[in-house]
Protein backbone atom coordinates (compact mmCIF):
# COMPACT_ATOMS: atom_id res chain seq x y z
CA MET A 1 -0.15 -0.20 0.09
CA PHE A 2 1.29 3.48 -0.43
CA VAL A 3 -0.52 6.86 0.80
CA VAL A 4 -1.52 9.88 -1.44
CA ALA A 5 -3.10 13.36 -0.19
CA THR A 6 -5.05 15.27 -2.72
CA ALA A 7 -4.82 19.31 -2.81
CA GLY A 8 -6.27 21.96 -4.63
CA HIS A 9 -8.74 24.67 -4.66
CA VAL A 10 -12.27 24.47 -3.23
CA ASP A 11 -14.81 22.96 -5.51
CA HIS A 12 -11.99 21.75 -8.23
CA GLY A 13 -13.16 18.41 -8.02
CA LYS A 14 -10.93 16.60 -5.45
CA SER A 15 -13.37 14.29 -3.84
CA THR A 16 -15.68 13.45 -7.18
CA LEU A 17 -11.91 12.52 -8.67
CA VAL A 18 -11.34 9.76 -5.58
CA ARG A 19 -15.15 8.54 -5.91
CA ALA A 20 -14.52 7.87 -9.03
CA LEU A 21 -11.39 6.09 -8.88
CA THR A 22 -12.36 4.39 -6.10
CA GLY A 23 -16.32 3.76 -5.77
CA MET A 24 -16.01 4.67 -2.17
CA GLU A 25 -17.55 8.46 -0.65
CA PRO A 26 -14.99 10.33 0.91
CA ASP A 27 -17.36 13.10 2.22
CA ARG A 28 -18.51 11.53 5.66
CA LEU A 29 -20.39 14.26 6.97
CA VAL A 30 -24.13 14.68 6.17
CA GLU A 31 -22.98 18.91 6.24
CA GLU A 32 -20.54 18.18 3.79
CA ARG A 33 -22.74 15.94 1.14
CA ARG A 34 -25.35 19.19 1.61
CA ARG A 35 -22.89 21.46 0.80
CA GLY A 36 -21.23 19.81 -1.92
CA MET A 37 -17.78 21.13 -0.63
CA THR A 38 -15.38 18.49 1.77
CA ILE A 39 -15.22 19.89 5.28
CA GLU A 40 -13.17 16.95 7.57
CA LEU A 41 -10.59 14.41 6.09
CA GLY A 42 -12.13 11.82 3.78
CA PHE A 43 -10.05 7.97 3.41
CA VAL A 44 -10.89 5.73 0.92
CA TRP A 45 -8.80 3.23 -1.43
CA THR A 46 -8.37 1.14 -4.18
CA THR A 47 -6.36 -1.16 -5.86
CA LEU A 48 -4.59 -0.30 -9.22
CA PRO A 49 -3.74 -2.33 -12.03
CA SER A 50 -0.50 -3.58 -10.66
CA GLY A 51 -2.43 -4.84 -7.96
CA ALA A 52 -0.54 -2.15 -5.61
CA VAL A 53 -3.37 -0.62 -3.21
CA VAL A 54 -3.70 3.13 -2.97
CA ALA A 55 -4.75 5.12 -0.31
CA PHE A 56 -6.22 8.74 -0.72
CA VAL A 57 -6.65 11.41 2.01
CA ASP A 58 -9.50 13.68 0.52
CA VAL A 59 -8.49 17.04 2.06
CA PRO A 60 -10.81 20.07 2.14
CA GLY A 61 -10.08 22.88 -0.27
CA HIS A 62 -11.51 26.01 1.44
CA GLN A 63 -9.05 28.55 2.86
CA ARG A 64 -11.20 28.04 6.16
CA PHE A 65 -9.96 24.62 6.38
CA VAL A 66 -6.32 24.63 5.77
CA ALA A 67 -5.28 23.59 8.88
CA THR A 68 -7.50 20.54 8.18
CA MET A 69 -5.78 20.05 4.98
CA LEU A 70 -2.31 20.38 6.54
CA ALA A 71 -3.47 17.86 9.10
CA GLY A 72 -3.97 15.44 6.36
CA ALA A 73 -0.84 16.07 4.16
CA GLY A 74 1.20 16.00 6.94
CA PRO A 75 1.88 12.68 7.10
CA VAL A 76 1.78 11.66 3.24
CA PRO A 77 4.68 10.91 1.19
CA ALA A 78 3.38 12.08 -1.89
CA ALA A 79 0.06 14.29 -3.75
CA LEU A 80 -2.16 14.40 -5.89
CA VAL A 81 -2.49 17.80 -6.94
CA VAL A 82 -5.78 18.69 -8.26
CA VAL A 83 -6.71 21.76 -10.66
CA ALA A 84 -9.96 21.89 -12.68
CA ALA A 85 -9.75 23.01 -16.65
CA ASP A 86 -12.37 25.33 -16.48
CA GLU A 87 -10.79 27.45 -13.57
CA GLY A 88 -7.56 26.91 -13.87
CA TRP A 89 -4.67 27.78 -11.28
CA MET A 90 -6.71 29.27 -8.00
CA PRO A 91 -5.31 30.78 -4.74
CA GLN A 92 -5.67 28.01 -2.72
CA SER A 93 -4.37 25.68 -5.53
CA ALA A 94 -1.15 27.95 -4.69
CA GLU A 95 -1.45 27.75 -0.73
CA HIS A 96 -1.69 24.15 -0.78
CA LEU A 97 0.89 23.77 -3.14
CA ALA A 98 3.18 26.50 -1.14
CA ALA A 99 2.35 23.94 1.84
CA LEU A 100 3.29 20.74 -0.12
CA ASP A 101 7.02 22.72 -0.85
CA ALA A 102 7.34 23.78 2.58
CA LEU A 103 6.88 20.13 4.08
CA GLY A 104 9.44 18.64 1.65
CA VAL A 105 6.95 16.73 -0.46
CA ARG A 106 9.03 15.29 -3.10
CA HIS A 107 6.59 12.73 -5.08
CA GLY A 108 3.39 13.53 -6.37
CA LEU A 109 0.99 13.99 -9.60
CA ILE A 110 -0.98 16.33 -11.05
CA ALA A 111 -4.83 15.58 -12.29
CA VAL A 112 -6.69 18.36 -14.14
CA THR A 113 -10.06 17.70 -13.32
CA ARG A 114 -13.67 18.66 -15.66
CA SER A 115 -11.37 18.53 -18.96
CA ASP A 116 -15.12 17.44 -20.18
CA LEU A 117 -16.04 21.16 -19.40
CA ALA A 118 -13.08 23.47 -21.16
CA ASP A 119 -9.66 22.78 -23.10
CA PRO A 120 -7.23 21.01 -20.24
CA GLY A 121 -4.25 22.48 -22.07
CA PRO A 122 -3.67 25.74 -20.27
CA ALA A 123 -4.52 24.15 -16.63
CA LEU A 124 -2.13 21.70 -17.37
CA GLU A 125 0.76 23.73 -18.40
CA ARG A 126 -0.06 26.55 -15.91
CA ALA A 127 -0.19 23.30 -13.29
CA ARG A 128 3.23 21.78 -14.76
CA MET A 129 5.17 25.31 -14.23
CA GLU A 130 3.69 25.78 -10.53
CA VAL A 131 4.62 22.33 -9.55
CA ALA A 132 8.33 22.03 -11.31
CA ALA A 133 9.23 25.38 -9.13
CA THR A 134 8.49 23.39 -5.78
CA SER A 135 9.91 20.34 -3.66
CA VAL A 136 7.63 18.20 -5.96
CA GLY A 137 9.32 18.85 -8.94
CA THR A 138 8.65 17.62 -12.33
CA VAL A 139 6.09 14.99 -11.96
CA GLU A 140 2.98 13.58 -14.54
CA ALA A 141 -0.10 15.31 -15.27
CA VAL A 142 -3.50 13.82 -16.51
CA ALA A 143 -6.52 15.10 -17.65
CA VAL A 144 -9.50 13.70 -16.63
CA SER A 145 -13.44 13.74 -15.73
CA GLY A 146 -14.57 12.45 -12.62
CA THR A 147 -18.03 12.67 -14.15
CA THR A 148 -17.47 11.33 -17.66
CA GLY A 149 -14.70 8.39 -16.49
CA LYS A 150 -12.54 10.25 -19.23
CA GLY A 151 -8.59 9.64 -18.40
CA LEU A 152 -9.09 7.65 -15.19
CA SER A 153 -7.48 4.77 -16.65
CA ASP A 154 -4.19 6.79 -17.67
CA LEU A 155 -4.61 8.10 -14.17
CA ARG A 156 -4.42 5.22 -12.63
CA ALA A 157 -1.47 4.17 -14.26
CA ALA A 158 0.11 7.21 -13.31
CA LEU A 159 -0.71 6.35 -9.67
CA ASP A 160 1.05 3.06 -10.24
CA ARG A 161 4.24 4.30 -11.53
CA LEU A 162 4.07 6.78 -8.91
CA GLY A 163 3.77 4.35 -6.15
CA ALA A 164 6.82 2.46 -7.40
CA THR A 165 8.68 5.93 -6.92
CA LEU A 166 8.50 5.56 -3.77
CA PRO A 167 11.42 5.55 -1.23
CA PRO A 168 10.28 1.75 0.63
CA ALA A 169 9.39 2.77 4.42
CA ASP A 170 11.38 1.28 7.23
CA PRO A 171 9.22 -1.58 9.41
CA VAL A 172 11.67 -1.63 12.24
CA ALA A 173 11.69 1.83 12.80
CA PRO A 174 9.91 3.60 15.95
CA VAL A 175 6.59 3.83 15.41
CA ARG A 176 5.10 7.44 15.35
CA LEU A 177 1.35 7.52 14.32
CA TRP A 178 -0.21 11.03 14.18
CA VAL A 179 -3.27 10.89 14.78
CA ASP A 180 -5.79 12.54 12.31
CA ARG A 181 -9.04 11.18 13.91
CA SER A 182 -10.56 10.19 16.84
CA PHE A 183 -13.70 8.48 17.81
CA THR A 184 -15.28 5.88 19.92
CA ILE A 185 -16.67 2.76 18.95
CA ARG A 186 -19.73 1.40 21.45
CA GLY A 187 -18.26 -1.51 22.96
CA SER A 188 -14.62 -1.07 21.80
CA GLY A 189 -13.39 2.31 23.10
CA THR A 190 -11.60 4.90 21.64
CA VAL A 191 -10.10 4.40 18.37
CA VAL A 192 -7.80 6.89 16.25
CA THR A 193 -6.58 6.57 12.86
CA GLY A 194 -3.88 7.73 10.99
CA THR A 195 -1.10 7.22 8.23
CA LEU A 196 1.71 4.56 9.22
CA GLY A 197 4.63 6.26 7.53
CA ALA A 198 7.18 3.87 9.25
CA GLY A 199 7.75 1.14 12.08
CA THR A 200 5.20 -2.10 12.14
CA LEU A 201 1.78 -2.00 14.67
CA HIS A 202 0.84 -5.10 16.39
CA ALA A 203 -1.86 -5.74 18.42
CA GLY A 204 -1.14 -6.15 21.91
CA ASP A 205 1.72 -3.55 21.48
CA GLU A 206 2.26 -0.41 23.77
CA LEU A 207 2.41 3.21 22.93
CA GLU A 208 3.10 6.28 24.93
CA THR A 209 1.37 9.32 23.88
CA ALA A 210 1.78 12.85 25.72
CA GLY A 211 3.85 11.47 28.63
CA ARG A 212 1.30 7.96 29.32
CA THR A 213 1.29 4.58 27.99
CA VAL A 214 -1.93 2.86 25.88
CA ARG A 215 -1.92 -0.46 24.88
CA VAL A 216 -3.22 -1.40 21.32
CA ARG A 217 -6.29 -3.59 21.52
CA THR A 218 -7.22 -3.97 17.91
CA LEU A 219 -6.23 -2.84 14.30
CA GLU A 220 -7.85 -2.45 11.41
CA SER A 221 -6.59 -1.14 7.78
CA LEU A 222 -8.66 -0.75 4.64
CA GLY A 223 -11.17 -1.90 6.73
CA GLU A 224 -10.57 -5.46 7.58
CA PRO A 225 -9.20 -6.37 11.09
CA ALA A 226 -5.49 -7.08 11.58
CA THR A 227 -3.28 -8.41 14.11
CA THR A 228 0.21 -6.78 12.41
CA VAL A 229 0.09 -3.53 9.98
CA ALA A 230 3.20 -2.51 8.37
CA PRO A 231 4.16 0.76 6.48
CA VAL A 232 3.03 2.58 4.41
CA ALA A 233 -1.01 2.36 5.62
CA ARG A 234 -3.87 4.01 6.83
CA VAL A 235 -4.84 2.43 10.10
CA ALA A 236 -7.44 2.67 12.53
CA VAL A 237 -6.35 1.70 16.18
CA ASN A 238 -8.57 0.54 18.96
CA LEU A 239 -6.88 1.43 22.15
CA ARG A 240 -7.00 0.31 25.69
CA GLY A 241 -6.54 2.53 28.78
CA ILE A 242 -7.49 6.08 27.40
CA ASP A 243 -10.66 8.12 26.69
CA ARG A 244 -11.45 9.58 23.48
CA ALA A 245 -11.55 13.17 25.15
CA GLU A 246 -7.48 12.39 26.05
CA VAL A 247 -6.42 12.15 22.33
CA ARG A 248 -6.94 13.91 19.59
CA ARG A 249 -5.93 15.24 16.23
CA GLY A 250 -2.43 16.67 16.41
CA ASP A 251 -1.33 14.28 19.02
CA ALA A 252 0.37 11.15 18.36
CA LEU A 253 1.09 7.23 19.47
CA VAL A 254 5.15 6.69 19.54
CA THR A 255 7.11 3.69 20.46
CA PRO A 256 8.14 3.81 24.46
CA GLY A 257 11.48 5.47 24.72
CA ARG A 258 12.41 6.66 21.47
CA PHE A 259 10.72 10.05 20.86
CA THR A 260 11.01 13.05 23.64
CA PHE A 261 8.05 15.34 23.71
CA VAL A 262 9.71 18.73 23.57
CA GLU A 263 8.03 22.21 23.66
CA VAL A 264 11.36 24.18 22.69
CA VAL A 265 13.12 23.45 19.58
CA ASP A 266 16.00 25.33 17.12
CA VAL A 267 15.22 25.20 13.58
CA ARG A 268 15.96 26.30 10.12
CA VAL A 269 13.47 28.37 8.25
CA HIS A 270 13.06 27.96 4.42
CA GLY A 271 11.13 30.73 2.85
CA ASP A 272 10.63 34.23 4.78
CA PRO A 273 13.11 35.62 6.13
CA VAL A 274 13.26 35.38 9.80
CA ALA A 275 14.15 38.51 10.84
CA ASP A 276 9.98 39.30 9.27
CA LEU A 277 8.46 36.32 11.13
CA PRO A 278 6.02 37.53 13.29
CA PRO A 279 6.54 36.94 17.25
CA ALA A 280 3.63 33.91 17.16
CA VAL A 281 3.06 31.37 14.33
CA THR A 282 1.26 28.16 14.07
CA LEU A 283 3.67 25.03 13.64
CA HIS A 284 2.29 22.19 11.32
CA VAL A 285 4.32 19.17 11.91
CA GLY A 286 2.30 15.86 11.02
CA SER A 287 -1.25 16.05 12.10
CA ALA A 288 -0.40 18.79 14.77
CA ALA A 289 -0.90 22.27 14.60
CA VAL A 290 0.88 24.06 17.42
CA GLN A 291 1.09 28.27 18.28
CA ALA A 292 4.80 28.90 18.37
CA HIS A 293 6.51 31.61 20.00
CA VAL A 294 9.55 32.66 17.21
CA ARG A 295 13.32 33.68 18.56
CA PRO A 296 15.18 34.65 15.20
CA LEU A 297 18.88 33.36 15.83
CA GLY A 298 20.84 34.42 12.81
CA THR A 299 19.54 34.53 9.52
CA ASP A 300 17.35 31.23 8.45
CA THR A 301 17.22 29.99 12.01
CA ALA A 302 15.29 30.72 14.99
CA ARG A 303 14.09 28.80 18.32
CA LEU A 304 10.51 27.88 18.81
CA ARG A 305 9.00 27.26 22.05
CA LEU A 306 5.42 25.71 21.16
CA ASP A 307 2.80 25.92 23.37
CA ARG A 308 2.28 22.02 23.72
CA THR A 309 4.98 19.38 23.38
CA LEU A 310 5.13 17.56 20.32
CA PRO A 311 7.84 14.39 19.85
CA LEU A 312 10.19 15.33 17.58
CA ARG A 313 13.48 14.26 15.81
CA ILE A 314 16.32 15.96 14.61
CA GLY A 315 15.62 16.17 10.81
CA ASP A 316 11.54 16.56 11.39
CA ARG A 317 10.02 18.71 8.64
CA GLY A 318 7.16 21.16 9.49
CA LEU A 319 6.03 24.48 8.12
CA LEU A 320 5.34 27.94 9.42
CA ARG A 321 2.11 29.43 8.95
CA ASP A 322 0.72 32.84 9.86
CA PRO A 323 -3.03 32.25 10.44
CA GLY A 324 -3.34 36.34 10.37
CA ARG A 325 -2.67 36.74 6.91
CA HIS A 326 -3.81 33.45 5.66
CA HIS A 327 0.06 32.94 4.79
CA VAL A 328 2.20 29.92 4.56
CA ALA A 329 5.67 31.86 6.10
CA GLY A 330 8.02 28.45 4.96
CA GLY A 331 9.20 25.27 6.02
CA VAL A 332 11.19 24.70 8.79
CA THR A 333 13.57 21.73 9.60
CA VAL A 334 14.49 20.74 12.71
CA LEU A 335 18.26 21.23 13.75
CA ASP A 336 18.40 20.31 17.63
CA VAL A 337 15.13 18.84 19.93
CA ALA A 338 17.23 19.58 23.04
CA PRO A 339 18.90 23.00 22.80
CA PRO A 340 20.97 24.59 25.37
CA PRO A 341 19.60 27.44 27.22
CA LEU A 342 20.69 31.33 26.61
CA ARG A 343 21.39 32.62 29.76
CA ARG A 344 24.64 34.55 29.16
CA ARG A 345 25.79 37.45 27.50
CA GLY A 346 26.20 36.51 23.51
CA ALA A 347 24.78 33.12 23.73
CA ALA A 348 22.37 33.30 21.47
CA ARG A 349 25.08 34.83 18.88
CA ASP A 350 26.98 31.95 19.82
CA ARG A 351 24.30 29.71 19.39
CA ALA A 352 23.37 31.46 15.58
CA VAL A 353 26.53 30.50 14.48
CA GLU A 354 26.57 26.65 15.94
CA LEU A 355 23.27 26.64 13.87
CA SER A 356 25.07 27.43 11.03
CA THR A 357 26.66 24.42 10.67
CA MET A 358 24.19 22.21 11.27
CA ASP A 359 22.56 20.59 8.37
CA ALA A 360 19.51 18.28 10.70
CA GLN A 361 21.52 14.98 9.69
CA PRO A 362 21.28 12.88 13.19
CA ASP A 363 24.94 12.35 13.51
CA ALA A 364 26.32 10.49 16.42
CA ALA A 365 29.72 11.55 16.47
CA GLY A 366 28.48 15.22 15.81
CA GLU A 367 25.87 15.30 18.45
CA VAL A 368 28.21 14.13 20.79
CA ARG A 369 30.86 16.40 20.14
CA ARG A 370 28.19 19.35 20.61
CA ARG A 371 26.75 18.01 23.72
CA ARG A 372 30.13 16.97 25.29
CA VAL A 373 27.90 14.56 27.82
CA VAL A 374 24.48 13.16 26.81
CA ARG A 375 22.71 9.90 27.82
CA ARG A 376 22.79 7.35 24.79
CA ALA A 377 18.87 6.86 25.18
CA ASP A 378 18.30 10.44 25.15
CA LEU A 379 20.23 10.32 21.42
CA LEU A 380 18.04 7.44 20.07
CA ARG A 381 15.25 9.68 21.44
CA MET A 382 16.54 12.68 19.12
CA GLY A 383 16.38 10.43 15.87
CA VAL A 384 20.28 9.29 16.38
CA PRO A 385 20.77 5.88 14.80
CA ASP A 386 23.09 3.56 16.29
CA PRO A 387 25.15 5.72 18.84
CA PRO A 388 28.30 4.07 20.34
CA ALA A 389 29.00 2.57 23.40
CA PRO A 390 28.90 4.81 26.56
CA LEU A 391 32.04 5.40 28.71
CA ALA A 392 29.63 4.83 31.81
CA GLY A 393 25.90 3.65 32.38
CA ASP A 394 24.33 5.30 29.60
CA TRP A 395 26.80 7.85 29.37
CA LEU A 396 28.61 8.91 26.19
CA VAL A 397 31.59 11.86 26.64
CA ASP A 398 33.30 13.51 24.04
CA SER A 399 36.80 12.03 23.65
CA GLY A 400 38.38 15.61 23.74
CA HIS A 401 35.90 16.55 26.34
CA ALA A 402 36.76 13.31 28.18
CA ASP A 403 40.51 14.25 28.08
CA ARG A 404 40.11 17.74 29.52
CA LEU A 405 37.64 16.19 32.41
CA ALA A 406 40.34 13.63 33.07
CA GLY A 407 43.42 16.46 33.37
CA ARG A 408 41.00 18.94 35.66
CA LEU A 409 40.18 15.52 37.78
CA ALA A 410 43.68 14.76 38.18
CA ASP A 411 44.41 18.56 39.36
CA THR A 412 41.12 18.43 41.73
CA VAL A 413 42.00 15.37 43.43
CA ASP A 414 45.80 16.82 43.95
CA ALA A 415 44.73 19.99 45.48
CA TYR A 416 41.92 18.09 47.26
CA GLU A 417 44.73 15.77 48.99
CA THR A 418 46.97 18.36 49.77
CA ALA A 419 44.38 20.31 51.54
CA HIS A 420 43.44 16.99 53.28
CA PRO A 421 46.12 14.78 53.87
CA LEU A 422 44.77 12.66 56.73
CA GLU A 423 41.55 11.66 54.47
CA ALA A 424 42.02 8.68 51.92
CA GLY A 425 41.20 10.87 49.12
CA MET A 426 38.59 12.60 47.51
CA PRO A 427 34.73 12.11 47.68
CA VAL A 428 33.62 10.91 44.79
CA GLU A 429 30.70 12.78 45.01
CA ALA A 430 32.86 16.13 45.65
CA ALA A 431 34.82 15.38 42.53
CA ARG A 432 31.39 14.89 40.56
CA HIS A 433 30.17 18.36 41.72
CA GLU A 434 33.92 19.76 41.30
CA LEU A 435 33.35 18.74 37.75
CA ARG A 436 29.98 19.51 37.35
CA LEU A 437 28.92 15.63 35.87
CA PRO A 438 25.88 14.46 36.02
CA ASP A 439 26.75 11.03 37.31
CA ARG A 440 29.15 9.86 39.71
CA ALA A 441 29.84 6.74 37.45
CA LEU A 442 31.45 9.16 35.20
CA VAL A 443 34.14 9.80 37.84
CA ALA A 444 35.18 6.10 38.30
CA ALA A 445 35.44 6.32 34.44
CA LEU A 446 37.80 9.39 34.20
CA ALA A 447 40.09 8.80 37.12
CA ARG A 448 43.28 7.56 34.83
CA PRO A 449 46.53 6.41 36.37
CA PRO A 450 47.84 6.96 39.05
CA LEU A 451 44.35 7.82 40.17
CA THR A 452 42.49 4.85 41.81
CA VAL A 453 38.63 4.99 42.67
CA HIS A 454 37.99 2.89 46.20
CA GLY A 455 35.65 3.17 49.16
CA GLY A 456 33.66 6.33 47.65
CA ARG A 457 37.00 8.30 47.29
CA VAL A 458 39.36 9.07 44.21
CA THR A 459 42.80 9.12 45.26
CA ALA A 460 46.30 9.13 43.95
CA ARG A 461 48.57 8.09 47.10
CA ALA A 462 48.71 4.46 45.74
CA ASP A 463 51.37 5.65 43.58
CA ARG A 464 53.11 8.15 46.12
CA GLY A 465 53.28 5.43 49.49
CA ASP A 466 50.66 6.81 51.73
CA ALA A 467 53.18 9.17 53.14
CA LEU A 468 52.06 10.57 56.25
CA PRO A 469 52.30 14.15 57.63
CA THR A 470 55.35 14.88 59.93
CA PRO A 471 53.55 15.18 63.21
CA VAL A 472 51.90 12.38 62.51
CA ALA A 473 54.83 10.01 61.91
CA ARG A 474 56.37 11.62 64.83
CA ALA A 475 53.66 10.44 67.16
CA VAL A 476 53.39 6.95 65.44
CA ALA A 477 57.51 6.98 66.11
CA GLU A 478 56.20 7.73 69.90
CA ILE A 479 54.25 5.06 70.51
CA GLY A 480 56.63 2.41 68.66
CA ARG A 481 59.45 3.63 71.40
CA ASP A 482 56.57 3.47 74.26
CA LEU A 483 56.03 -0.46 73.05
CA ALA A 484 59.95 -1.01 71.89
CA ARG A 485 59.74 -3.24 75.48
CA ARG A 486 55.74 -4.09 76.34
CA PRO A 487 54.37 -4.69 72.72
CA PHE A 488 51.10 -5.10 73.77
CA GLN A 489 50.65 -2.38 76.20
CA ALA A 490 48.29 -0.25 73.70
CA PRO A 491 48.53 3.56 74.12
CA ASP A 492 45.39 4.45 75.89
CA ALA A 493 42.88 7.59 74.75
CA HIS A 494 44.79 9.57 77.13
CA ARG A 495 48.25 8.99 75.57
CA LEU A 496 47.03 9.12 72.06
CA ALA A 497 45.59 13.12 72.98
CA GLN A 498 48.94 13.98 74.26
CA LEU A 499 50.60 12.84 70.88
CA GLY A 500 47.66 14.94 68.73
CA LEU A 501 46.45 11.51 67.52
CA GLY A 502 42.60 12.42 66.45
CA ARG A 503 40.24 10.15 64.91
CA ARG A 504 41.49 11.39 61.59
CA GLU A 505 45.16 11.08 62.33
CA VAL A 506 44.70 7.64 63.54
CA ALA A 507 42.99 6.78 60.69
CA ALA A 508 45.63 7.65 58.17
CA ALA A 509 48.26 5.78 59.96
CA VAL A 510 45.85 2.71 59.83
CA ARG A 511 45.48 3.70 56.31
CA ALA A 512 49.30 4.00 55.64
CA GLY A 513 49.62 0.71 57.55
CA VAL A 514 51.95 2.01 60.84
CA LEU A 515 49.73 1.16 63.00
CA VAL A 516 46.99 -2.13 63.22
CA ARG A 517 43.44 -1.28 64.82
CA ALA A 518 42.14 -4.03 67.23
CA GLY A 519 38.56 -2.48 68.17
CA ASP A 520 39.31 0.58 70.08
CA VAL A 521 43.12 -0.41 70.35
CA LEU A 522 45.94 0.41 68.30
CA LEU A 523 48.91 -1.80 67.82
CA LEU A 524 52.58 -1.96 66.02
CA PRO A 525 52.58 -3.92 62.96
CA GLY A 526 53.68 -7.46 63.59
CA THR A 527 51.94 -7.52 66.94
CA VAL A 528 49.27 -10.11 65.69
CA GLU A 529 52.32 -12.65 64.97
CA ARG A 530 53.95 -12.16 68.14
CA ALA A 531 50.71 -12.35 69.99
CA THR A 532 50.29 -16.08 68.20
CA ASP A 533 53.76 -17.16 69.05
CA VAL A 534 53.10 -16.66 72.79
CA LEU A 535 49.64 -17.98 72.98
CA ALA A 536 51.31 -20.85 70.70
CA GLU A 537 53.21 -21.87 73.74
CA LEU A 538 50.13 -21.85 76.36
CA PRO A 539 48.97 -25.19 77.25
CA GLN A 540 45.79 -25.29 75.00
CA PRO A 541 42.77 -24.37 75.33
CA PHE A 542 43.37 -20.99 77.36
CA THR A 543 41.97 -18.76 78.67
CA LEU A 544 41.11 -15.33 78.63
CA SER A 545 42.99 -14.31 81.94
CA THR A 546 46.06 -16.87 80.86
CA ALA A 547 46.17 -15.13 77.85
CA ARG A 548 46.59 -11.59 79.38
CA GLN A 549 49.10 -12.55 81.99
CA ALA A 550 51.45 -14.25 78.70
CA LEU A 551 50.75 -10.94 76.80
CA ASP A 552 51.85 -8.92 79.74
CA THR A 553 48.97 -6.41 78.71
CA SER A 554 45.36 -5.27 80.23
CA ARG A 555 42.01 -6.71 80.01
CA ARG A 556 41.20 -3.74 77.37
CA VAL A 557 43.80 -4.90 75.38
CA ALA A 558 43.47 -8.69 75.51
CA VAL A 559 39.61 -8.66 74.66
CA PRO A 560 39.72 -6.91 71.39
CA LEU A 561 43.14 -8.69 70.21
CA LEU A 562 41.76 -12.21 71.30
CA GLU A 563 38.67 -11.25 69.00
CA LEU A 564 40.83 -10.33 66.19
CA LEU A 565 42.61 -13.34 66.23
CA ASP A 566 39.23 -15.18 65.99
CA GLN A 567 38.24 -12.93 63.11
CA LYS A 568 41.71 -14.38 61.48
CA GLY A 569 41.05 -17.76 62.38
CA VAL A 570 44.41 -18.12 64.07
CA THR A 571 42.39 -18.73 67.30
CA ARG A 572 39.14 -20.61 67.64
CA ARG A 573 36.88 -19.96 70.87
CA LEU A 574 35.35 -22.72 72.30
CA PRO A 575 31.89 -23.09 73.84
CA ASP A 576 33.60 -22.81 77.42
CA ASP A 577 34.73 -19.44 76.28
CA THR A 578 38.41 -20.95 76.66
CA ARG A 579 40.51 -20.70 73.06
CA VAL A 580 42.90 -22.65 71.26
CA VAL A 581 45.62 -21.53 68.46
CA VAL A 582 44.58 -23.58 65.40
CA ALA A 583 46.54 -21.75 62.59
CA PRO A 584 49.50 -19.30 62.43
CA PRO A 585 48.72 -15.90 60.86
CA ASP A 586 49.22 -14.82 57.30
CA ARG A 587 52.35 -12.83 57.54
CA THR A 588 51.98 -11.88 54.24
CA ALA A 589 48.76 -10.04 54.89
CA GLU A 590 50.26 -8.49 57.98
CA ALA A 591 53.79 -7.35 56.13
């Protein structure tokens, strides 16, 4: 299947033509049939001689319904431009063609209708000239009469040739179904319709719309139920979990996690000079029409602030319309769906320069370079295909920026350790804050030798021998002299205070390996081995009192020392609170 939207001036026979081609009535409303004028979008289809199916989105031609026309034509890749032979090129012919040009439509046909009422030659020549000057380019033109049937077979053949030239749709792409109609069916609930341009829909799928999740109950295409619908197709989706009032024309159903709903975008404008745009315009994208506030940035680029969020990606096309003047101001191409704030002086000027270099191609390397630090998942939502593997977690970091960050981290840690010599390095969270990184995981990823990360801190001391400040080293030397003759007479709190060894100083000495902690008791390295040698000479098992006497120490020291030996597996405590030496200590670990 392929889908074609009609375009053209009011009362030039668009609905009559598709009715003659398909045998189906595109005008659904009683009012439309009474007035003989299309007001709402119509959807009909037919099988062509090749066996291909073409579906038509029939749009209104009256000036008052341009927004409805754009809702139907916006998501459709090809157009059938209709001009009446007896009236020729008219104002809405020009506005509809300007809209197709602004949207970047590149495929289409010309049909000159009512050729039974006037010579189609002049209308054909004018239409060819007008269409050739737009993005649609040079296309086939067929003279037809919806009333007599003249030329319909030629038009069907031309439609077949058009369908063969359309680029293939991607069935595995994320789904973005722009809603062009929403209604309720008794017993089924909410149903929406749209043109599926890419991706594949399945019954049971979960989709997102405006920040909430809905589930596909059933699908229908070309009036027939389906379990799967592939692109390109007209599709009706019966939704579970949402009321009709909560989904309307201009909303979109999207694959979860693959689109960002945004309200600020930077765009390139193709058409009127940006400086000439009014402060507020209507942005038409897909089937949506949203008021947008314009901030010019450069000669052909601008920032748009939308009145409601839309699921947009880099490279999306839309158009700007000035509803006050009934004027298509031009097309827009989305350059950035997550633009930086413009707070500092000169930021707007710098941003204009940057936008002038952007080509709306979602390139992973370019996006990472511009953003410096970005989530891989966010790039996928922006429409960037195949982002590289993350540096840490889901974070990508530009290689040059990563080198600069790694250098700053080394300098920051060095300064911190100089200012805090008794700490075991710089806290990771402090380093993250100092470098303004969004995630602690990036600190570890940027810590290059000699930096190491352990216990929630970043340090370079493993490469510097954990040198102690001179006052701490002197105090430890004093303890060594105190314990030279009686190694198990550990210093008490009073002695530690005399030596100036507070909590941080003691922790630094323990980390440096010049003191050993047994509970709240501090001993010299090698004390565990010496205690084991002494206890191994005792009759086994032995009591706490016997151990205390043999070690020539107090209960204050003996209790935590024996508990440390138990933990190391050197001694084993028996049910009657006596102990036995069961293994020599690991002298390598104590060294």
